[in-house]
């Protein structure tokens, strides 16, 4: 089984994907917020990777 680790200030949760999915289905707004936030974070990471590659090519 693959657990999802969620670190909180005073504890660490380990949930199965199905359990987390059920929790998020109870609050669709939270689910949408998480998806939107995730897309933004992934785009920012990709942009940083592109910048690093571009910068390292210029340094050569």
C-alpha atoms as a PDB file:
ATOM      1  CA  UNK A   1       0.000   0.000   0.000  1.00  0.00           C
ATOM      2  CA  UNK A   2       1.174   3.484  -0.795  1.00  0.00           C
ATOM      3  CA  UNK A   3       0.508   6.109   1.860  1.00  0.00           C
ATOM      4  CA  UNK A   4       0.396   9.870   1.438  1.00  0.00           C
ATOM      5  CA  UNK A   5       2.355  11.653   4.150  1.00  0.00           C
ATOM      6  CA  UNK A   6       0.941  14.978   5.318  1.00  0.00           C
ATOM      7  CA  UNK A   7       3.052  16.944   7.777  1.00  0.00           C
ATOM      8  CA  UNK A   8       1.151  19.237  10.126  1.00  0.00           C
ATOM      9  CA  UNK A   9       2.576  21.434  12.907  1.00  0.00           C
ATOM     10  CA  UNK A  10       1.952  18.956  15.730  1.00  0.00           C
ATOM     11  CA  UNK A  11       1.578  15.642  13.914  1.00  0.00           C
ATOM     12  CA  UNK A  12       2.109  13.721  10.701  1.00  0.00           C
ATOM     13  CA  UNK A  13      -0.799  12.017   8.947  1.00  0.00           C
ATOM     14  CA  UNK A  14      -0.497   8.931   6.774  1.00  0.00           C
ATOM     15  CA  UNK A  15      -3.545   8.418   4.580  1.00  0.00           C
ATOM     16  CA  UNK A  16      -4.300   6.103   1.709  1.00  0.00           C
ATOM     17  CA  UNK A  17      -5.158   7.855  -1.556  1.00  0.00           C
ATOM     18  CA  UNK A  18      -8.790   6.675  -1.309  1.00  0.00           C
ATOM     19  CA  UNK A  19      -9.101   8.072   2.215  1.00  0.00           C
ATOM     20  CA  UNK A  20      -7.759  11.457   1.168  1.00  0.00           C
ATOM     21  CA  UNK A  21     -10.033  11.450  -1.870  1.00  0.00           C
ATOM     22  CA  UNK A  22     -13.087  10.796   0.330  1.00  0.00           C
ATOM     23  CA  UNK A  23     -12.133  13.664   2.638  1.00  0.00           C
ATOM     24  CA  UNK A  24     -11.708  16.060  -0.278  1.00  0.00           C
ATOM     25  CA  UNK A  25     -15.015  15.014  -1.848  1.00  0.00           C
ATOM     26  CA  UNK A  26     -16.787  16.231   1.282  1.00  0.00           C
ATOM     27  CA  UNK A  27     -15.531  19.774   0.579  1.00  0.00           C
ATOM     28  CA  UNK A  28     -15.448  20.424  -3.203  1.00  0.00           C
ATOM     29  CA  UNK A  29     -14.195  24.000  -2.714  1.00  0.00           C
ATOM     30  CA  UNK A  30     -11.150  22.735  -0.838  1.00  0.00           C
ATOM     31  CA  UNK A  31     -10.556  20.164  -3.588  1.00  0.00           C
ATOM     32  CA  UNK A  32     -10.686  22.911  -6.252  1.00  0.00           C
ATOM     33  CA  UNK A  33      -8.348  25.138  -4.204  1.00  0.00           C
ATOM     34  CA  UNK A  34      -5.844  22.311  -3.879  1.00  0.00           C
ATOM     35  CA  UNK A  35      -5.906  21.591  -7.608  1.00  0.00           C
ATOM     36  CA  UNK A  36      -5.449  25.272  -8.471  1.00  0.00           C
ATOM     37  CA  UNK A  37      -2.592  25.626  -5.969  1.00  0.00           C
ATOM     38  CA  UNK A  38      -0.956  22.463  -7.295  1.00  0.00           C
ATOM     39  CA  UNK A  39      -1.074  23.703 -10.879  1.00  0.00           C
ATOM     40  CA  UNK A  40       0.533  26.983  -9.832  1.00  0.00           C
ATOM     41  CA  UNK A  41       3.299  25.243  -7.903  1.00  0.00           C
ATOM     42  CA  UNK A  42       4.054  22.851 -10.773  1.00  0.00           C
ATOM     43  CA  UNK A  43       4.173  25.730 -13.281  1.00  0.00           C
ATOM     44  CA  UNK A  44       6.542  27.670 -11.010  1.00  0.00           C
ATOM     45  CA  UNK A  45       8.837  24.641 -10.697  1.00  0.00           C
ATOM     46  CA  UNK A  46       8.910  24.178 -14.465  1.00  0.00           C
ATOM     47  CA  UNK A  47       9.708  27.864 -14.972  1.00  0.00           C
ATOM     48  CA  UNK A  48      12.567  27.647 -12.456  1.00  0.00           C
ATOM     49  CA  UNK A  49      13.951  24.571 -14.216  1.00  0.00           C
ATOM     50  CA  UNK A  50      13.813  26.358 -17.566  1.00  0.00           C
ATOM     51  CA  UNK A  51      15.559  29.387 -16.051  1.00  0.00           C
ATOM     52  CA  UNK A  52      18.291  27.221 -14.532  1.00  0.00           C
ATOM     53  CA  UNK A  53      18.889  25.431 -17.831  1.00  0.00           C
ATOM     54  CA  UNK A  54      18.906  28.724 -19.740  1.00  0.00           C
ATOM     55  CA  UNK A  55      21.274  30.333 -17.241  1.00  0.00           C
ATOM     56  CA  UNK A  56      23.681  27.381 -17.235  1.00  0.00           C
ATOM     57  CA  UNK A  57      23.835  27.416 -21.055  1.00  0.00           C
ATOM     58  CA  UNK A  58      24.733  31.125 -21.030  1.00  0.00           C
ATOM     59  CA  UNK A  59      27.505  30.558 -18.477  1.00  0.00           C
ATOM     60  CA  UNK A  60      29.337  28.197 -20.848  1.00  0.00           C
END
